[in-house]
N, C-alpha and C. Protein backbone atom coordinates (compact mmCIF):
# COMPACT_ATOMS: atom_id res chain seq x y z
N MET A 1 156.71 93.49 106.22
CA MET A 1 156.14 94.76 106.60
C MET A 1 156.61 95.87 105.67
N THR A 2 157.85 95.77 105.21
CA THR A 2 158.38 96.79 104.30
C THR A 2 157.60 96.83 103.00
N ALA A 3 157.20 95.67 102.51
CA ALA A 3 156.44 95.61 101.25
C ALA A 3 155.10 96.33 101.39
N ILE A 4 154.46 96.16 102.52
CA ILE A 4 153.17 96.83 102.74
C ILE A 4 153.34 98.34 102.74
N TRP A 5 154.36 98.83 103.44
CA TRP A 5 154.60 100.27 103.46
C TRP A 5 154.97 100.79 102.08
N ALA A 6 155.76 100.05 101.35
CA ALA A 6 156.14 100.48 100.00
C ALA A 6 154.91 100.60 99.10
N ILE A 7 154.01 99.65 99.20
CA ILE A 7 152.80 99.69 98.38
C ILE A 7 151.89 100.84 98.81
N LEU A 8 151.74 101.06 100.11
CA LEU A 8 150.89 102.15 100.58
C LEU A 8 151.45 103.52 100.20
N ILE A 9 152.73 103.70 100.35
CA ILE A 9 153.35 104.98 99.99
C ILE A 9 153.27 105.19 98.48
N GLY A 10 153.49 104.13 97.71
CA GLY A 10 153.35 104.23 96.26
C GLY A 10 151.94 104.60 95.85
N ALA A 11 150.95 104.04 96.51
CA ALA A 11 149.56 104.36 96.21
C ALA A 11 149.25 105.82 96.56
N ALA A 12 149.79 106.30 97.67
CA ALA A 12 149.56 107.69 98.06
C ALA A 12 150.18 108.65 97.05
N VAL A 13 151.39 108.36 96.60
CA VAL A 13 152.05 109.20 95.59
C VAL A 13 151.26 109.17 94.29
N ALA A 14 150.82 108.00 93.87
CA ALA A 14 150.04 107.88 92.64
C ALA A 14 148.73 108.65 92.75
N TYR A 15 148.09 108.60 93.92
CA TYR A 15 146.84 109.33 94.12
C TYR A 15 147.06 110.83 93.97
N VAL A 16 148.09 111.34 94.60
CA VAL A 16 148.37 112.78 94.53
C VAL A 16 148.67 113.19 93.10
N LEU A 17 149.49 112.41 92.40
CA LEU A 17 149.85 112.77 91.04
C LEU A 17 148.66 112.70 90.09
N THR A 18 147.79 111.71 90.26
CA THR A 18 146.62 111.64 89.38
C THR A 18 145.65 112.77 89.65
N LYS A 19 145.52 113.18 90.90
CA LYS A 19 144.63 114.30 91.22
C LYS A 19 145.21 115.62 90.72
N MET A 20 146.53 115.76 90.76
CA MET A 20 147.15 116.97 90.22
C MET A 20 146.95 117.05 88.70
N GLY A 21 146.93 115.91 88.03
CA GLY A 21 146.72 115.87 86.59
C GLY A 21 145.26 115.77 86.21
N GLU A 22 144.37 115.84 87.19
CA GLU A 22 142.92 115.75 86.99
C GLU A 22 142.54 114.49 86.22
N GLN A 23 143.16 113.37 86.58
CA GLN A 23 142.88 112.07 85.98
C GLN A 23 142.20 111.18 87.02
N PRO A 24 141.44 110.19 86.58
CA PRO A 24 140.83 109.26 87.56
C PRO A 24 141.90 108.37 88.20
N PHE A 25 141.71 108.08 89.48
CA PHE A 25 142.67 107.26 90.22
C PHE A 25 142.29 105.79 90.09
N ASP A 26 143.25 104.95 89.71
CA ASP A 26 143.04 103.51 89.58
C ASP A 26 143.90 102.80 90.62
N LEU A 27 143.26 102.30 91.67
CA LEU A 27 143.98 101.66 92.77
C LEU A 27 144.70 100.39 92.32
N ASN A 28 144.07 99.60 91.46
CA ASN A 28 144.70 98.36 91.00
C ASN A 28 145.99 98.64 90.24
N GLN A 29 145.97 99.63 89.39
CA GLN A 29 147.17 99.99 88.63
C GLN A 29 148.26 100.49 89.58
N SER A 30 147.88 101.25 90.57
CA SER A 30 148.84 101.78 91.54
C SER A 30 149.49 100.65 92.34
N ILE A 31 148.69 99.70 92.78
CA ILE A 31 149.23 98.58 93.56
C ILE A 31 150.15 97.72 92.69
N ALA A 32 149.75 97.48 91.46
CA ALA A 32 150.59 96.68 90.56
C ALA A 32 151.92 97.36 90.31
N PHE A 33 151.90 98.66 90.04
CA PHE A 33 153.14 99.39 89.79
C PHE A 33 154.03 99.39 91.03
N SER A 34 153.45 99.61 92.20
CA SER A 34 154.23 99.61 93.44
C SER A 34 154.85 98.24 93.70
N ALA A 35 154.11 97.18 93.44
CA ALA A 35 154.64 95.83 93.64
C ALA A 35 155.79 95.54 92.68
N ILE A 36 155.66 95.97 91.43
CA ILE A 36 156.73 95.76 90.45
C ILE A 36 157.99 96.51 90.85
N VAL A 37 157.83 97.75 91.28
CA VAL A 37 158.99 98.55 91.71
C VAL A 37 159.63 97.92 92.94
N PHE A 38 158.83 97.43 93.88
CA PHE A 38 159.36 96.80 95.08
C PHE A 38 160.19 95.56 94.74
N VAL A 39 159.68 94.72 93.85
CA VAL A 39 160.42 93.52 93.44
C VAL A 39 161.72 93.91 92.74
N PHE A 40 161.66 94.92 91.88
CA PHE A 40 162.86 95.39 91.19
C PHE A 40 163.91 95.87 92.20
N LEU A 41 163.49 96.62 93.20
CA LEU A 41 164.43 97.11 94.21
C LEU A 41 165.00 95.97 95.05
N LEU A 42 164.21 94.95 95.32
CA LEU A 42 164.74 93.78 96.03
C LEU A 42 165.83 93.09 95.22
N ILE A 43 165.62 92.97 93.92
CA ILE A 43 166.61 92.34 93.05
C ILE A 43 167.89 93.16 93.02
N VAL A 44 167.77 94.47 92.91
CA VAL A 44 168.94 95.34 92.89
C VAL A 44 169.68 95.25 94.22
N ASP A 45 168.95 95.27 95.32
CA ASP A 45 169.58 95.17 96.64
C ASP A 45 170.31 93.83 96.80
N PHE A 46 169.69 92.76 96.35
CA PHE A 46 170.33 91.44 96.42
C PHE A 46 171.61 91.42 95.60
N ALA A 47 171.57 91.99 94.40
CA ALA A 47 172.75 92.00 93.53
C ALA A 47 173.87 92.83 94.14
N LEU A 48 173.55 93.97 94.72
CA LEU A 48 174.58 94.81 95.32
C LEU A 48 175.19 94.17 96.56
N ASN A 49 174.36 93.55 97.39
CA ASN A 49 174.88 92.88 98.58
C ASN A 49 175.70 91.65 98.21
N ARG A 50 175.36 91.00 97.14
CA ARG A 50 176.12 89.83 96.69
C ARG A 50 177.52 90.25 96.26
N ASN A 51 177.63 91.39 95.60
CA ASN A 51 178.94 91.89 95.19
C ASN A 51 179.80 92.27 96.39
N LYS A 52 179.21 92.78 97.45
CA LYS A 52 179.96 93.14 98.65
C LYS A 52 180.55 91.89 99.31
N VAL A 53 179.77 90.82 99.35
CA VAL A 53 180.22 89.58 99.99
C VAL A 53 181.38 88.97 99.21
N GLN A 54 181.34 89.04 97.90
CA GLN A 54 182.39 88.45 97.08
C GLN A 54 183.70 89.23 97.19
N ASN A 55 183.64 90.52 97.43
CA ASN A 55 184.86 91.33 97.53
C ASN A 55 185.40 91.22 98.89
C-alpha cells in the first residue's frame, strides 16, 4: 500500500511542477520516476536497518 501512495504523491508533485513550468505532463515518466525513487528508498531503509541490527 505504501508503494501505491508513494507513486500517487509523486505523480501529483510532478503534475504541479510541470504545470508551473508550463510543460506537458507525462504520466508514464512520472510513474517511472516515482517507482525508481521508491525502490531507492527501500534499499536505503534496508541498509540502515541492517546496520542497527549488527550494532
